[in-house]
């Protein structure tokens, strides 16, 4: 199955919906069994490690707003820039996470490799006033 921009949009929308719903099975259904996810603070191999990481994250915080800022496709790769507002479950505090992922897909267009680029939560961020394109995400 060829990765087209339309297919990449569908994958991205399904991923965003699964995240916003905290639907672990819908999220995992997008990934190949032997997937690899690399990030600034993690390296995960396979769906079982991915599941454990996502469940741990969602137990501590929940996504409350999410947007795709840009999306591009080249061959079997998609590049996805995002912004997510997370709410810390124990305190109700909200944090903005912006970043970008590079995904490679397998023959069925399931995500098989992901490299995530973002600053860890809790690092100083620009305010909404300094980032007007993000202001609607942060508005209540």
Protein backbone atom coordinates (compact mmCIF):
# COMPACT_ATOMS: atom_id res chain seq x y z
CA UNK A 1 0.00 0.00 0.00
CA UNK A 2 1.48 3.32 -1.06
CA UNK A 3 1.77 6.09 1.50
CA UNK A 4 0.03 9.10 0.02
CA UNK A 5 -0.63 12.45 1.64
CA UNK A 6 -4.30 11.46 1.98
CA UNK A 7 -3.32 8.20 3.70
CA UNK A 8 -0.89 10.06 5.99
CA UNK A 9 -3.69 12.47 6.93
CA UNK A 10 -5.95 9.53 7.77
CA UNK A 11 -3.24 7.92 9.93
CA UNK A 12 -2.54 11.22 11.68
CA UNK A 13 -6.23 11.91 12.31
CA UNK A 14 -6.71 8.39 13.68
CA UNK A 15 -3.66 8.81 15.92
CA UNK A 16 -4.89 12.19 17.19
CA UNK A 17 -8.39 10.83 17.85
CA UNK A 18 -7.04 7.80 19.71
CA UNK A 19 -4.84 10.06 21.83
CA UNK A 20 -7.61 12.52 22.64
CA UNK A 21 -9.92 9.63 23.57
CA UNK A 22 -7.12 7.87 25.50
CA UNK A 23 -8.09 4.78 23.46
CA UNK A 24 -5.07 2.53 23.80
CA UNK A 25 -6.34 -0.17 21.43
CA UNK A 26 -7.18 2.30 18.64
CA UNK A 27 -3.75 3.87 19.14
CA UNK A 28 -1.91 0.52 19.03
CA UNK A 29 -3.87 -0.63 15.96
CA UNK A 30 -1.97 1.98 13.95
CA UNK A 31 1.41 0.39 14.75
CA UNK A 32 3.28 -2.63 13.38
CA UNK A 33 3.93 -5.39 15.94
CA UNK A 34 7.71 -4.85 15.69
CA UNK A 35 7.56 -1.05 15.85
CA UNK A 36 10.37 1.06 17.25
CA UNK A 37 9.83 4.46 18.87
CA UNK A 38 12.81 6.70 19.69
CA UNK A 39 12.51 9.96 21.56
CA UNK A 40 14.46 12.39 23.69
CA UNK A 41 13.76 10.34 26.82
CA UNK A 42 12.79 6.88 25.58
CA UNK A 43 13.54 3.98 23.24
CA UNK A 44 10.71 1.48 22.81
CA UNK A 45 10.69 -1.78 20.87
CA UNK A 46 7.44 -3.53 20.01
CA UNK A 47 3.82 -2.93 20.85
CA UNK A 48 4.10 -4.25 24.39
CA UNK A 49 6.70 -1.62 25.35
CA UNK A 50 4.72 1.04 23.48
CA UNK A 51 1.55 0.03 25.35
CA UNK A 52 3.28 0.18 28.73
CA UNK A 53 4.74 3.60 27.98
CA UNK A 54 1.43 5.05 26.75
CA UNK A 55 -0.53 3.61 29.69
CA UNK A 56 2.00 5.07 32.12
CA UNK A 57 1.83 8.48 30.44
CA UNK A 58 -1.97 8.54 30.29
CA UNK A 59 -2.19 7.52 33.96
CA UNK A 60 -0.20 10.64 34.89
CA UNK A 61 -1.62 13.08 32.35
CA UNK A 62 -4.27 13.38 29.71
CA UNK A 63 -4.28 15.22 26.41
CA UNK A 64 -6.89 17.98 26.37
CA UNK A 65 -6.19 19.69 23.04
CA UNK A 66 -4.19 18.62 20.03
CA UNK A 67 -3.46 19.96 16.60
CA UNK A 68 -1.48 18.99 13.54
CA UNK A 69 0.64 21.96 12.51
CA UNK A 70 2.10 20.42 9.34
CA UNK A 71 2.30 17.09 7.54
CA UNK A 72 4.47 15.90 4.64
CA UNK A 73 5.14 12.60 2.88
CA UNK A 74 8.19 11.28 1.06
CA UNK A 75 8.25 7.64 -0.04
CA UNK A 76 7.38 5.46 2.96
CA UNK A 77 7.97 8.32 5.42
CA UNK A 78 5.72 10.95 6.89
CA UNK A 79 6.75 14.03 8.82
CA UNK A 80 4.25 15.30 11.36
CA UNK A 81 4.50 18.52 13.38
CA UNK A 82 2.17 18.76 16.35
CA UNK A 83 1.11 20.71 19.42
CA UNK A 84 -0.53 19.04 22.42
CA UNK A 85 -1.82 20.52 25.65
CA UNK A 86 -1.51 17.98 28.47
CA UNK A 87 -3.27 18.15 31.82
CA UNK A 88 -1.44 16.70 34.80
CA UNK A 89 -4.05 14.50 36.48
CA UNK A 90 -2.82 15.05 40.05
CA UNK A 91 -2.73 18.85 39.91
CA UNK A 92 -4.83 19.95 36.95
CA UNK A 93 -1.89 22.00 35.67
CA UNK A 94 -1.63 22.27 31.89
CA UNK A 95 1.52 22.08 29.81
CA UNK A 96 2.14 22.70 26.14
CA UNK A 97 4.22 20.21 24.17
CA UNK A 98 5.24 20.99 20.62
CA UNK A 99 7.33 18.76 18.44
CA UNK A 100 7.74 16.74 15.31
CA UNK A 101 7.79 13.06 14.46
CA UNK A 102 9.33 11.18 11.59
CA UNK A 103 7.43 7.96 10.82
CA UNK A 104 8.21 5.13 8.45
CA UNK A 105 5.34 2.85 7.55
CA UNK A 106 5.29 -0.82 6.57
CA UNK A 107 3.60 -2.39 3.52
CA UNK A 108 0.16 -2.06 5.20
CA UNK A 109 0.85 1.60 6.12
CA UNK A 110 1.17 0.73 9.80
CA UNK A 111 3.68 2.80 11.76
CA UNK A 112 6.86 0.76 12.10
CA UNK A 113 9.44 3.37 13.07
CA UNK A 114 9.03 6.68 14.84
CA UNK A 115 11.61 9.26 15.81
CA UNK A 116 10.13 11.99 18.00
CA UNK A 117 11.68 15.41 18.39
CA UNK A 118 10.43 17.56 21.25
CA UNK A 119 11.53 19.23 24.45
CA UNK A 120 10.48 17.36 27.58
CA UNK A 121 7.43 18.69 29.40
CA UNK A 122 8.16 21.23 32.07
CA UNK A 123 10.84 23.08 30.10
CA UNK A 124 10.32 26.82 29.63
CA UNK A 125 7.99 27.58 26.71
CA UNK A 126 7.03 30.65 24.81
CA UNK A 127 3.75 32.11 25.93
CA UNK A 128 0.66 32.18 23.72
CA UNK A 129 1.31 35.89 23.17
CA UNK A 130 4.75 35.01 21.79
CA UNK A 131 3.26 32.19 19.69
CA UNK A 132 -0.01 33.55 18.31
CA UNK A 133 -0.62 30.44 16.20
CA UNK A 134 -0.85 28.41 19.43
CA UNK A 135 -3.13 30.82 21.33
CA UNK A 136 -6.36 29.01 20.26
CA UNK A 137 -4.97 25.74 21.66
CA UNK A 138 -4.34 27.29 25.04
CA UNK A 139 -7.64 29.19 25.27
CA UNK A 140 -10.23 27.76 27.61
